[in-house]
Amino acid sequence: MGRRPAGGARVTPGPGALLVVGDVVTDVLALHEGPLAAHTDTAARIAVRPGGAGANVAAWAAHRGARARLLARVGADSADWHRAQLRAAGVEPHLVVDGRVPTAVVICLVDGRAERTLVTDGGASVRLGPEDWDPALLTGVARVHLSGYLFFSAPGRRLAERVTAAAAAVGTAVSVDPASTGFLERLGVDAFRAAVAGAALLLPNEAEARLLTGRDDPAIAAEELSAAHGTAVVKLGGRGALVAQDGKLLARVPAVPSTAVDSTGAGDAFTGGFLAAALAGADPVAAALAGCRTGAEAVRSVGARPPVAGAG
């Protein structure tokens, strides 16, 4: 069992906050220009950065002016470093420290086109569960966002169910980013769709939207998902985003031009930018434009978070 989040139930009061429930990860990024060479060496630039889909969303939302707090589980091996990184990014961290397993680690292989392949060790993140929940985390919260990675472990699904019910009880909307086609396929589309039924906003990428609906046309997929959830925003990477509401496509939002160095966390950046704009009163189309701007900023630097001076 892990310890309660440092500081117990203390939260900073105030309206309009975003609560993210999800994952903190240590990212090991290897940027290689050519193809990986089997049975020998491949030259690469290697960097260690803080990551995790949930933590990234919170950091980018804070970068865009939102008050953001994060509930996640980390190993004792790097808890202090991750807490400091989150605070430096403007995020209020509520980290459960796990003394039995280390923090999750993802190896991100980034090729010369800035496209990434992920190798994942879930570590402490997959042990985040309902016993880690504290209702006080909802104090002053206007939106709750659940990382899709929560739904790929049994404790995470139970936690997501508890948080969704607690948010519904106080009239706070919940959003979900599906996170991973590989893990979605392993869990099963029907099981995932049932688990996220209480979400009022779904933010899949194109591949996830197709998998969740069985539709090849992402616009039709967006419409179907919005009919089930109220609002769906399908991220198209370098082609922008699709926004649908109540079963109808509202807009095709254009991408913001950018020179990509590393696409790691670009979708998380979009989500953080979208949620920050929505908290500030933007409608879904305007929020998607803000998401595209944030995603374009994210791919210009190495790592999945906004660069933070002096974060260590």
C-alpha atoms as a PDB file:
ATOM      1  CA  MET A   1       0.000   0.000   0.000  1.00  0.00           C
ATOM      2  CA  GLY A   2       1.180   3.550  -0.688  1.00  0.00           C
ATOM      3  CA  ARG A   3       1.167   6.531   1.607  1.00  0.00           C
ATOM      4  CA  ARG A   4      -1.460   9.240   1.347  1.00  0.00           C
ATOM      5  CA  PRO A   5      -0.556  12.178  -0.907  1.00  0.00           C
ATOM      6  CA  ALA A   6       1.995  14.436   0.765  1.00  0.00           C
ATOM      7  CA  GLY A   7       0.177  17.057   2.788  1.00  0.00           C
ATOM      8  CA  GLY A   8      -2.949  14.911   3.207  1.00  0.00           C
ATOM      9  CA  ALA A   9      -6.162  16.546   2.086  1.00  0.00           C
ATOM     10  CA  ARG A  10      -4.768  20.061   1.802  1.00  0.00           C
ATOM     11  CA  VAL A  11      -5.807  21.737  -1.430  1.00  0.00           C
ATOM     12  CA  THR A  12      -5.579  25.333  -2.508  1.00  0.00           C
ATOM     13  CA  PRO A  13      -9.104  26.785  -2.552  1.00  0.00           C
ATOM     14  CA  GLY A  14     -10.445  28.813  -5.404  1.00  0.00           C
ATOM     15  CA  PRO A  15     -12.815  28.424  -8.341  1.00  0.00           C
ATOM     16  CA  GLY A  16     -12.120  27.148 -11.788  1.00  0.00           C
ATOM     17  CA  ALA A  17      -9.424  24.563 -11.159  1.00  0.00           C
ATOM     18  CA  LEU A  18      -8.687  21.526 -13.300  1.00  0.00           C
ATOM     19  CA  LEU A  19      -8.184  18.192 -11.542  1.00  0.00           C
ATOM     20  CA  VAL A  20      -6.280  15.604 -13.564  1.00  0.00           C
ATOM     21  CA  VAL A  21      -6.224  12.003 -12.367  1.00  0.00           C
ATOM     22  CA  GLY A  22      -3.620   9.940 -14.142  1.00  0.00           C
ATOM     23  CA  ASP A  23      -0.010   9.011 -14.511  1.00  0.00           C
ATOM     24  CA  VAL A  24       3.450  10.357 -13.809  1.00  0.00           C
ATOM     25  CA  VAL A  25       6.249   8.791 -15.839  1.00  0.00           C
ATOM     26  CA  THR A  26       9.983   9.149 -16.254  1.00  0.00           C
ATOM     27  CA  ASP A  27      10.535   9.483 -20.008  1.00  0.00           C
ATOM     28  CA  VAL A  28      13.803   8.294 -21.523  1.00  0.00           C
ATOM     29  CA  LEU A  29      13.901   9.877 -24.976  1.00  0.00           C
ATOM     30  CA  ALA A  30      16.187   8.575 -27.709  1.00  0.00           C
ATOM     31  CA  LEU A  31      16.190  10.786 -30.812  1.00  0.00           C
ATOM     32  CA  HIS A  32      17.728   8.868 -33.724  1.00  0.00           C
ATOM     33  CA  GLU A  33      17.976  10.088 -37.312  1.00  0.00           C
ATOM     34  CA  GLY A  34      18.206   6.815 -39.217  1.00  0.00           C
ATOM     35  CA  PRO A  35      16.506   3.441 -38.754  1.00  0.00           C
ATOM     36  CA  LEU A  36      17.314   1.354 -35.708  1.00  0.00           C
ATOM     37  CA  ALA A  37      20.206  -0.974 -36.514  1.00  0.00           C
ATOM     38  CA  ALA A  38      19.649  -4.563 -35.378  1.00  0.00           C
ATOM     39  CA  HIS A  39      22.409  -6.327 -33.387  1.00  0.00           C
ATOM     40  CA  THR A  40      24.614  -3.217 -33.147  1.00  0.00           C
ATOM     41  CA  ASP A  41      24.598   0.452 -32.126  1.00  0.00           C
ATOM     42  CA  THR A  42      22.328   3.236 -33.330  1.00  0.00           C
ATOM     43  CA  ALA A  43      23.540   6.772 -32.651  1.00  0.00           C
ATOM     44  CA  ALA A  44      21.029   8.918 -30.789  1.00  0.00           C
ATOM     45  CA  ARG A  45      20.608  11.947 -28.570  1.00  0.00           C
ATOM     46  CA  ILE A  46      19.277  10.686 -25.245  1.00  0.00           C
ATOM     47  CA  ALA A  47      17.499  12.769 -22.621  1.00  0.00           C
ATOM     48  CA  VAL A  48      15.590  12.032 -19.424  1.00  0.00           C
ATOM     49  CA  ARG A  49      12.443  14.124 -18.938  1.00  0.00           C
ATOM     50  CA  PRO A  50       9.352  14.080 -16.722  1.00  0.00           C
ATOM     51  CA  GLY A  51       6.313  12.708 -18.510  1.00  0.00           C
ATOM     52  CA  GLY A  52       3.091  10.736 -18.197  1.00  0.00           C
ATOM     53  CA  ALA A  53      -0.102  11.559 -20.075  1.00  0.00           C
ATOM     54  CA  GLY A  54      -1.963  12.859 -17.032  1.00  0.00           C
ATOM     55  CA  ALA A  55       0.962  14.903 -15.740  1.00  0.00           C
ATOM     56  CA  ASN A  56       1.608  16.305 -19.212  1.00  0.00           C
ATOM     57  CA  VAL A  57      -2.003  17.462 -19.577  1.00  0.00           C
ATOM     58  CA  ALA A  58      -1.851  19.189 -16.191  1.00  0.00           C
ATOM     59  CA  ALA A  59       1.464  20.878 -17.038  1.00  0.00           C
ATOM     60  CA  TRP A  60       0.265  22.187 -20.398  1.00  0.00           C
ATOM     61  CA  ALA A  61      -3.025  23.397 -18.895  1.00  0.00           C
ATOM     62  CA  ALA A  62      -1.044  25.294 -16.252  1.00  0.00           C
ATOM     63  CA  HIS A  63       1.224  26.638 -19.003  1.00  0.00           C
ATOM     64  CA  ARG A  64      -1.904  28.052 -20.648  1.00  0.00           C
ATOM     65  CA  GLY A  65      -3.037  29.758 -17.463  1.00  0.00           C
ATOM     66  CA  ALA A  66      -5.246  27.179 -15.746  1.00  0.00           C
ATOM     67  CA  ARG A  67      -5.046  26.260 -12.087  1.00  0.00           C
ATOM     68  CA  ALA A  68      -4.218  22.564 -12.308  1.00  0.00           C
ATOM     69  CA  ARG A  69      -3.763  19.828  -9.745  1.00  0.00           C
ATOM     70  CA  LEU A  70      -2.795  16.221 -10.302  1.00  0.00           C
ATOM     71  CA  LEU A  71      -3.463  12.963  -8.477  1.00  0.00           C
ATOM     72  CA  ALA A  72      -0.982  10.250  -9.432  1.00  0.00           C
ATOM     73  CA  ARG A  73       1.179   7.490  -7.945  1.00  0.00           C
ATOM     74  CA  VAL A  74       4.974   7.452  -8.100  1.00  0.00           C
ATOM     75  CA  GLY A  75       7.762   5.319  -6.689  1.00  0.00           C
ATOM     76  CA  ALA A  76       9.863   6.468  -3.776  1.00  0.00           C
ATOM     77  CA  ASP A  77      12.865   6.329  -6.122  1.00  0.00           C
ATOM     78  CA  SER A  78      11.982   9.590  -7.871  1.00  0.00           C
ATOM     79  CA  ALA A  79       9.038  11.099  -5.986  1.00  0.00           C
ATOM     80  CA  ASP A  80      10.902  14.230  -4.908  1.00  0.00           C
ATOM     81  CA  TRP A  81      12.165  14.935  -8.431  1.00  0.00           C
ATOM     82  CA  HIS A  82       8.727  14.513  -9.990  1.00  0.00           C
ATOM     83  CA  ARG A  83       7.064  16.631  -7.310  1.00  0.00           C
ATOM     84  CA  ALA A  84       9.585  19.420  -7.930  1.00  0.00           C
ATOM     85  CA  GLN A  85       9.101  19.198 -11.705  1.00  0.00           C
ATOM     86  CA  LEU A  86       5.325  19.476 -11.361  1.00  0.00           C
ATOM     87  CA  ARG A  87       5.529  22.435  -9.007  1.00  0.00           C
ATOM     88  CA  ALA A  88       7.987  24.172 -11.328  1.00  0.00           C
ATOM     89  CA  ALA A  89       5.441  23.686 -14.132  1.00  0.00           C
ATOM     90  CA  GLY A  90       2.734  25.356 -12.027  1.00  0.00           C
ATOM     91  CA  VAL A  91       0.898  22.142 -11.129  1.00  0.00           C
ATOM     92  CA  GLU A  92      -0.331  21.360  -7.619  1.00  0.00           C
ATOM     93  CA  PRO A  93       0.916  17.783  -7.117  1.00  0.00           C
ATOM     94  CA  HIS A  94      -0.900  15.204  -4.994  1.00  0.00           C
ATOM     95  CA  LEU A  95       1.414  12.233  -5.348  1.00  0.00           C
ATOM     96  CA  VAL A  96       0.893   8.922  -3.600  1.00  0.00           C
ATOM     97  CA  VAL A  97       4.363   7.535  -2.888  1.00  0.00           C
ATOM     98  CA  ASP A  98       4.629   3.791  -3.482  1.00  0.00           C
ATOM     99  CA  GLY A  99       7.351   2.086  -1.507  1.00  0.00           C
ATOM    100  CA  ARG A 100       7.065  -1.233  -3.331  1.00  0.00           C
ATOM    101  CA  VAL A 101       7.595  -0.417  -6.998  1.00  0.00           C
ATOM    102  CA  PRO A 102       9.425   2.379  -8.855  1.00  0.00           C
ATOM    103  CA  THR A 103       7.920   5.201 -10.885  1.00  0.00           C
ATOM    104  CA  ALA A 104       6.668   4.250 -14.334  1.00  0.00           C
ATOM    105  CA  VAL A 105       9.240   4.515 -17.131  1.00  0.00           C
ATOM    106  CA  VAL A 106       8.642   4.968 -20.852  1.00  0.00           C
ATOM    107  CA  ILE A 107      11.378   4.665 -23.456  1.00  0.00           C
ATOM    108  CA  CYS A 108      10.444   7.002 -26.318  1.00  0.00           C
ATOM    109  CA  LEU A 109      12.183   6.215 -29.613  1.00  0.00           C
ATOM    110  CA  VAL A 110      11.866   9.344 -31.751  1.00  0.00           C
ATOM    111  CA  ASP A 111      12.867   9.090 -35.400  1.00  0.00           C
ATOM    112  CA  GLY A 112      14.047  11.732 -37.871  1.00  0.00           C
ATOM    113  CA  ARG A 113      10.420  12.667 -38.708  1.00  0.00           C
ATOM    114  CA  ALA A 114       9.740  13.375 -34.994  1.00  0.00           C
ATOM    115  CA  GLU A 115       7.449  10.335 -34.799  1.00  0.00           C
ATOM    116  CA  ARG A 116       7.721   8.289 -31.626  1.00  0.00           C
ATOM    117  CA  THR A 117       7.466   4.637 -30.613  1.00  0.00           C
ATOM    118  CA  LEU A 118       6.885   3.904 -26.932  1.00  0.00           C
ATOM    119  CA  VAL A 119       8.131   1.062 -24.747  1.00  0.00           C
ATOM    120  CA  THR A 120       6.311   1.186 -21.410  1.00  0.00           C
ATOM    121  CA  ASP A 121       6.872  -0.093 -17.873  1.00  0.00           C
ATOM    122  CA  GLY A 122       3.761   0.915 -15.906  1.00  0.00           C
ATOM    123  CA  GLY A 123       5.503   0.771 -12.511  1.00  0.00           C
ATOM    124  CA  ALA A 124       3.683   2.595  -9.725  1.00  0.00           C
ATOM    125  CA  SER A 125       1.199   4.266 -12.093  1.00  0.00           C
ATOM    126  CA  VAL A 126      -0.803   1.066 -12.656  1.00  0.00           C
ATOM    127  CA  ARG A 127      -1.258   0.736  -8.877  1.00  0.00           C
ATOM    128  CA  LEU A 128      -3.166   4.030  -8.560  1.00  0.00           C
ATOM    129  CA  GLY A 129      -6.554   2.964  -7.206  1.00  0.00           C
ATOM    130  CA  PRO A 130      -9.687   3.939  -5.270  1.00  0.00           C
ATOM    131  CA  GLU A 131      -7.854   3.916  -1.927  1.00  0.00           C
ATOM    132  CA  ASP A 132      -5.827   6.882  -3.214  1.00  0.00           C
ATOM    133  CA  TRP A 133      -8.892   9.050  -3.744  1.00  0.00           C
ATOM    134  CA  ASP A 134      -9.627  11.996  -1.452  1.00  0.00           C
ATOM    135  CA  PRO A 135     -12.931  13.889  -2.024  1.00  0.00           C
ATOM    136  CA  ALA A 136     -11.193  17.100  -0.924  1.00  0.00           C
ATOM    137  CA  LEU A 137      -9.365  17.061  -4.259  1.00  0.00           C
ATOM    138  CA  LEU A 138     -12.607  18.293  -5.862  1.00  0.00           C
ATOM    139  CA  THR A 139     -12.560  21.504  -3.812  1.00  0.00           C
ATOM    140  CA  GLY A 140     -12.789  24.440  -6.220  1.00  0.00           C
ATOM    141  CA  VAL A 141     -12.589  22.162  -9.272  1.00  0.00           C
ATOM    142  CA  ALA A 142     -14.578  23.118 -12.368  1.00  0.00           C
ATOM    143  CA  ARG A 143     -13.410  20.225 -14.588  1.00  0.00           C
ATOM    144  CA  VAL A 144     -12.044  16.730 -14.024  1.00  0.00           C
ATOM    145  CA  HIS A 145      -9.863  15.017 -16.596  1.00  0.00           C
ATOM    146  CA  LEU A 146      -9.074  11.288 -16.502  1.00  0.00           C
ATOM    147  CA  SER A 147      -6.053   9.944 -18.337  1.00  0.00           C
ATOM    148  CA  GLY A 148      -6.990   7.002 -20.526  1.00  0.00           C
ATOM    149  CA  TYR A 149      -4.184   4.983 -18.993  1.00  0.00           C
ATOM    150  CA  LEU A 150      -6.261   4.719 -15.804  1.00  0.00           C
ATOM    151  CA  PHE A 151      -8.669   2.405 -17.575  1.00  0.00           C
ATOM    152  CA  PHE A 152      -6.051  -0.175 -18.501  1.00  0.00           C
ATOM    153  CA  SER A 153      -5.607  -1.501 -14.952  1.00  0.00           C
ATOM    154  CA  ALA A 154      -8.298  -2.875 -12.639  1.00  0.00           C
ATOM    155  CA  PRO A 155      -7.435  -0.471  -9.761  1.00  0.00           C
ATOM    156  CA  GLY A 156      -7.435   2.427 -12.207  1.00  0.00           C
ATOM    157  CA  ARG A 157     -10.891   1.546 -13.529  1.00  0.00           C
ATOM    158  CA  ARG A 158     -12.261   1.381  -9.991  1.00  0.00           C
ATOM    159  CA  LEU A 159     -10.696   4.764  -9.234  1.00  0.00           C
ATOM    160  CA  ALA A 160     -12.098   6.272 -12.439  1.00  0.00           C
ATOM    161  CA  GLU A 161     -15.554   5.030 -11.496  1.00  0.00           C
ATOM    162  CA  ARG A 162     -15.278   6.579  -8.026  1.00  0.00           C
ATOM    163  CA  VAL A 163     -13.990   9.920  -9.341  1.00  0.00           C
ATOM    164  CA  THR A 164     -16.652  10.083 -12.062  1.00  0.00           C
ATOM    165  CA  ALA A 165     -19.399   9.440  -9.510  1.00  0.00           C
ATOM    166  CA  ALA A 166     -17.973  12.041  -7.112  1.00  0.00           C
ATOM    167  CA  ALA A 167     -17.748  14.613  -9.902  1.00  0.00           C
ATOM    168  CA  ALA A 168     -21.309  13.876 -11.061  1.00  0.00           C
ATOM    169  CA  ALA A 169     -22.583  14.351  -7.516  1.00  0.00           C
ATOM    170  CA  VAL A 170     -21.342  17.936  -7.495  1.00  0.00           C
ATOM    171  CA  GLY A 171     -22.160  18.682 -11.152  1.00  0.00           C
ATOM    172  CA  THR A 172     -18.560  18.727 -12.409  1.00  0.00           C
ATOM    173  CA  ALA A 173     -17.970  17.584 -15.979  1.00  0.00           C
ATOM    174  CA  VAL A 174     -15.483  14.793 -16.706  1.00  0.00           C
ATOM    175  CA  SER A 175     -13.311  14.377 -19.795  1.00  0.00           C
ATOM    176  CA  VAL A 176     -11.253  11.380 -20.955  1.00  0.00           C
ATOM    177  CA  ASP A 177      -8.368  11.002 -23.405  1.00  0.00           C
ATOM    178  CA  PRO A 178      -8.304   7.340 -24.571  1.00  0.00           C
ATOM    179  CA  ALA A 179      -4.472   7.378 -24.646  1.00  0.00           C
ATOM    180  CA  SER A 180      -3.356   4.207 -26.478  1.00  0.00           C
ATOM    181  CA  THR A 181      -4.701   2.014 -29.255  1.00  0.00           C
ATOM    182  CA  GLY A 182      -2.468  -0.853 -28.138  1.00  0.00           C
ATOM    183  CA  PHE A 183      -3.846  -0.877 -24.602  1.00  0.00           C
ATOM    184  CA  LEU A 184      -7.384  -0.230 -25.906  1.00  0.00           C
ATOM    185  CA  GLU A 185      -7.219  -3.351 -28.046  1.00  0.00           C
ATOM    186  CA  ARG A 186      -5.921  -5.366 -25.107  1.00  0.00           C
ATOM    187  CA  LEU A 187      -8.728  -4.181 -22.795  1.00  0.00           C
ATOM    188  CA  GLY A 188     -11.423  -4.364 -25.466  1.00  0.00           C
ATOM    189  CA  VAL A 189     -13.394  -1.546 -27.062  1.00  0.00           C
ATOM    190  CA  ASP A 190     -16.702  -2.517 -25.441  1.00  0.00           C
ATOM    191  CA  ALA A 191     -15.151  -2.611 -21.977  1.00  0.00           C
ATOM    192  CA  PHE A 192     -13.528   0.783 -22.494  1.00  0.00           C
ATOM    193  CA  ARG A 193     -16.691   2.377 -23.881  1.00  0.00           C
ATOM    194  CA  ALA A 194     -18.641   1.114 -20.867  1.00  0.00           C
ATOM    195  CA  ALA A 195     -16.009   2.401 -18.426  1.00  0.00           C
ATOM    196  CA  VAL A 196     -16.009   5.944 -19.884  1.00  0.00           C
ATOM    197  CA  ALA A 197     -19.781   6.215 -20.311  1.00  0.00           C
ATOM    198  CA  GLY A 198     -19.960   8.998 -17.710  1.00  0.00           C
ATOM    199  CA  ALA A 199     -17.566  11.299 -19.564  1.00  0.00           C
ATOM    200  CA  ALA A 200     -19.072  14.432 -21.126  1.00  0.00           C
ATOM    201  CA  LEU A 201     -16.044  14.986 -23.376  1.00  0.00           C
ATOM    202  CA  LEU A 202     -13.866  12.490 -25.218  1.00  0.00           C
ATOM    203  CA  LEU A 203     -10.556  13.539 -26.826  1.00  0.00           C
ATOM    204  CA  PRO A 204      -9.209  10.645 -28.929  1.00  0.00           C
ATOM    205  CA  ASN A 205      -6.682  10.859 -31.708  1.00  0.00           C
ATOM    206  CA  GLU A 206      -7.673   9.669 -35.160  1.00  0.00           C
ATOM    207  CA  ALA A 207      -6.546   6.061 -34.675  1.00  0.00           C
ATOM    208  CA  GLU A 208      -8.312   5.821 -31.313  1.00  0.00           C
ATOM    209  CA  ALA A 209     -11.528   7.307 -32.726  1.00  0.00           C
ATOM    210  CA  ARG A 210     -11.532   4.759 -35.548  1.00  0.00           C
ATOM    211  CA  LEU A 211     -10.907   1.902 -33.141  1.00  0.00           C
ATOM    212  CA  LEU A 212     -13.623   3.029 -30.722  1.00  0.00           C
ATOM    213  CA  THR A 213     -16.284   3.332 -33.427  1.00  0.00           C
ATOM    214  CA  GLY A 214     -15.195   1.017 -36.238  1.00  0.00           C
ATOM    215  CA  ARG A 215     -15.528   3.970 -38.618  1.00  0.00           C
ATOM    216  CA  ASP A 216     -12.821   4.783 -41.164  1.00  0.00           C
ATOM    217  CA  ASP A 217     -13.984   8.385 -41.559  1.00  0.00           C
ATOM    218  CA  PRO A 218     -12.818  10.326 -38.484  1.00  0.00           C
ATOM    219  CA  ALA A 219     -15.625  12.869 -38.944  1.00  0.00           C
ATOM    220  CA  ILE A 220     -18.249  10.159 -38.679  1.00  0.00           C
ATOM    221  CA  ALA A 221     -16.370   8.712 -35.713  1.00  0.00           C
ATOM    222  CA  ALA A 222     -16.396  12.134 -34.033  1.00  0.00           C
ATOM    223  CA  GLU A 223     -20.140  12.459 -34.577  1.00  0.00           C
ATOM    224  CA  GLU A 224     -20.824   9.003 -33.130  1.00  0.00           C
ATOM    225  CA  LEU A 225     -18.677   9.621 -30.073  1.00  0.00           C
ATOM    226  CA  SER A 226     -20.298  13.010 -29.484  1.00  0.00           C
ATOM    227  CA  ALA A 227     -23.735  11.416 -29.665  1.00  0.00           C
ATOM    228  CA  ALA A 228     -22.685   9.174 -26.780  1.00  0.00           C
ATOM    229  CA  HIS A 229     -20.792  11.733 -24.698  1.00  0.00           C
ATOM    230  CA  GLY A 230     -22.054  15.188 -25.654  1.00  0.00           C
ATOM    231  CA  THR A 231     -18.780  16.470 -27.106  1.00  0.00           C
ATOM    232  CA  ALA A 232     -15.977  14.710 -28.964  1.00  0.00           C
ATOM    233  CA  VAL A 233     -12.775  16.244 -30.276  1.00  0.00           C
ATOM    234  CA  VAL A 234     -10.709  14.054 -32.602  1.00  0.00           C
ATOM    235  CA  LYS A 235      -7.052  15.074 -32.805  1.00  0.00           C
ATOM    236  CA  LEU A 236      -5.591  14.764 -36.311  1.00  0.00           C
ATOM    237  CA  GLY A 237      -2.006  15.742 -35.556  1.00  0.00           C
ATOM    238  CA  GLY A 238      -0.623  17.836 -38.394  1.00  0.00           C
ATOM    239  CA  ARG A 239      -4.106  18.124 -39.942  1.00  0.00           C
ATOM    240  CA  GLY A 240      -5.752  19.847 -36.987  1.00  0.00           C
ATOM    241  CA  ALA A 241      -8.832  18.545 -35.199  1.00  0.00           C
ATOM    242  CA  LEU A 242     -12.500  17.707 -35.612  1.00  0.00           C
ATOM    243  CA  VAL A 243     -15.085  19.018 -33.155  1.00  0.00           C
ATOM    244  CA  ALA A 244     -18.487  17.357 -32.820  1.00  0.00           C
ATOM    245  CA  GLN A 245     -21.336  17.943 -30.412  1.00  0.00           C
ATOM    246  CA  ASP A 246     -24.542  15.996 -29.826  1.00  0.00           C
ATOM    247  CA  GLY A 247     -24.021  13.856 -32.914  1.00  0.00           C
ATOM    248  CA  LYS A 248     -23.179  16.653 -35.361  1.00  0.00           C
ATOM    249  CA  LEU A 249     -19.831  17.860 -36.682  1.00  0.00           C
ATOM    250  CA  LEU A 250     -19.298  21.490 -35.685  1.00  0.00           C
ATOM    251  CA  ALA A 251     -15.946  22.288 -37.241  1.00  0.00           C
ATOM    252  CA  ARG A 252     -12.732  21.106 -38.853  1.00  0.00           C
ATOM    253  CA  VAL A 253     -10.105  23.101 -37.003  1.00  0.00           C
ATOM    254  CA  PRO A 254      -6.888  23.687 -38.972  1.00  0.00           C
ATOM    255  CA  ALA A 255      -3.489  22.799 -37.584  1.00  0.00           C
ATOM    256  CA  VAL A 256      -1.028  25.499 -36.564  1.00  0.00           C
ATOM    257  CA  PRO A 257       2.177  25.251 -38.648  1.00  0.00           C
ATOM    258  CA  SER A 258       5.205  24.133 -36.670  1.00  0.00           C
ATOM    259  CA  THR A 259       8.635  22.602 -37.174  1.00  0.00           C
ATOM    260  CA  ALA A 260       8.500  19.297 -35.338  1.00  0.00           C
ATOM    261  CA  VAL A 261      11.471  18.047 -33.334  1.00  0.00           C
ATOM    262  CA  ASP A 262       9.711  15.571 -31.042  1.00  0.00           C
ATOM    263  CA  SER A 263       6.024  14.609 -31.130  1.00  0.00           C
ATOM    264  CA  THR A 264       6.110  13.003 -27.676  1.00  0.00           C
ATOM    265  CA  GLY A 265       3.206  14.407 -25.661  1.00  0.00           C
ATOM    266  CA  ALA A 266       1.754  16.491 -28.491  1.00  0.00           C
ATOM    267  CA  GLY A 267      -1.703  15.019 -27.952  1.00  0.00           C
ATOM    268  CA  ASP A 268      -1.437  15.695 -24.218  1.00  0.00           C
ATOM    269  CA  ALA A 269      -0.461  19.284 -24.994  1.00  0.00           C
ATOM    270  CA  PHE A 270      -3.537  19.650 -27.220  1.00  0.00           C
ATOM    271  CA  THR A 271      -5.724  18.334 -24.409  1.00  0.00           C
ATOM    272  CA  GLY A 272      -4.136  20.647 -21.839  1.00  0.00           C
ATOM    273  CA  GLY A 273      -4.553  23.656 -24.090  1.00  0.00           C
ATOM    274  CA  PHE A 274      -8.149  22.688 -24.884  1.00  0.00           C
ATOM    275  CA  LEU A 275      -9.105  22.259 -21.224  1.00  0.00           C
ATOM    276  CA  ALA A 276      -7.417  25.499 -20.151  1.00  0.00           C
ATOM    277  CA  ALA A 277      -9.326  27.412 -22.821  1.00  0.00           C
ATOM    278  CA  ALA A 278     -12.598  25.708 -21.886  1.00  0.00           C
ATOM    279  CA  LEU A 279     -12.055  26.640 -18.234  1.00  0.00           C
ATOM    280  CA  ALA A 280     -11.586  30.239 -19.344  1.00  0.00           C
ATOM    281  CA  GLY A 281     -14.982  30.151 -21.076  1.00  0.00           C
ATOM    282  CA  ALA A 282     -14.113  29.189 -24.666  1.00  0.00           C
ATOM    283  CA  ASP A 283     -16.612  27.165 -26.683  1.00  0.00           C
ATOM    284  CA  PRO A 284     -15.439  23.761 -28.031  1.00  0.00           C
ATOM    285  CA  VAL A 285     -14.298  25.128 -31.402  1.00  0.00           C
ATOM    286  CA  ALA A 286     -12.298  27.976 -29.871  1.00  0.00           C
ATOM    287  CA  ALA A 287     -10.886  25.551 -27.299  1.00  0.00           C
ATOM    288  CA  ALA A 288      -9.798  23.215 -30.117  1.00  0.00           C
ATOM    289  CA  LEU A 289      -7.993  26.120 -31.787  1.00  0.00           C
ATOM    290  CA  ALA A 290      -6.178  26.709 -28.496  1.00  0.00           C
ATOM    291  CA  GLY A 291      -5.380  23.000 -28.378  1.00  0.00           C
ATOM    292  CA  CYS A 292      -3.853  23.130 -31.861  1.00  0.00           C
ATOM    293  CA  ARG A 293      -1.698  26.093 -30.867  1.00  0.00           C
ATOM    294  CA  THR A 294      -0.501  24.261 -27.777  1.00  0.00           C
ATOM    295  CA  GLY A 295       0.248  21.072 -29.692  1.00  0.00           C
ATOM    296  CA  ALA A 296       2.242  23.063 -32.243  1.00  0.00           C
ATOM    297  CA  GLU A 297       4.287  24.572 -29.426  1.00  0.00           C
ATOM    298  CA  ALA A 298       4.888  21.160 -27.861  1.00  0.00           C
ATOM    299  CA  VAL A 299       6.478  19.522 -30.898  1.00  0.00           C
ATOM    300  CA  ARG A 300       9.108  22.262 -31.223  1.00  0.00           C
ATOM    301  CA  SER A 301      11.129  21.018 -28.229  1.00  0.00           C
ATOM    302  CA  VAL A 302      12.349  17.721 -26.806  1.00  0.00           C
ATOM    303  CA  GLY A 303      10.121  16.159 -24.180  1.00  0.00           C
ATOM    304  CA  ALA A 304       6.415  15.993 -23.400  1.00  0.00           C
ATOM    305  CA  ARG A 305       6.136  19.023 -21.105  1.00  0.00           C
ATOM    306  CA  PRO A 306       6.568  22.777 -21.473  1.00  0.00           C
ATOM    307  CA  PRO A 307      10.225  23.703 -20.919  1.00  0.00           C
ATOM    308  CA  VAL A 308      10.682  24.997 -17.372  1.00  0.00           C
ATOM    309  CA  ALA A 309      13.746  27.040 -16.458  1.00  0.00           C
ATOM    310  CA  GLY A 310      15.506  25.873 -13.318  1.00  0.00           C
ATOM    311  CA  ALA A 311      13.312  22.802 -12.816  1.00  0.00           C
ATOM    312  CA  GLY A 312      16.379  20.629 -12.223  1.00  0.00           C
END
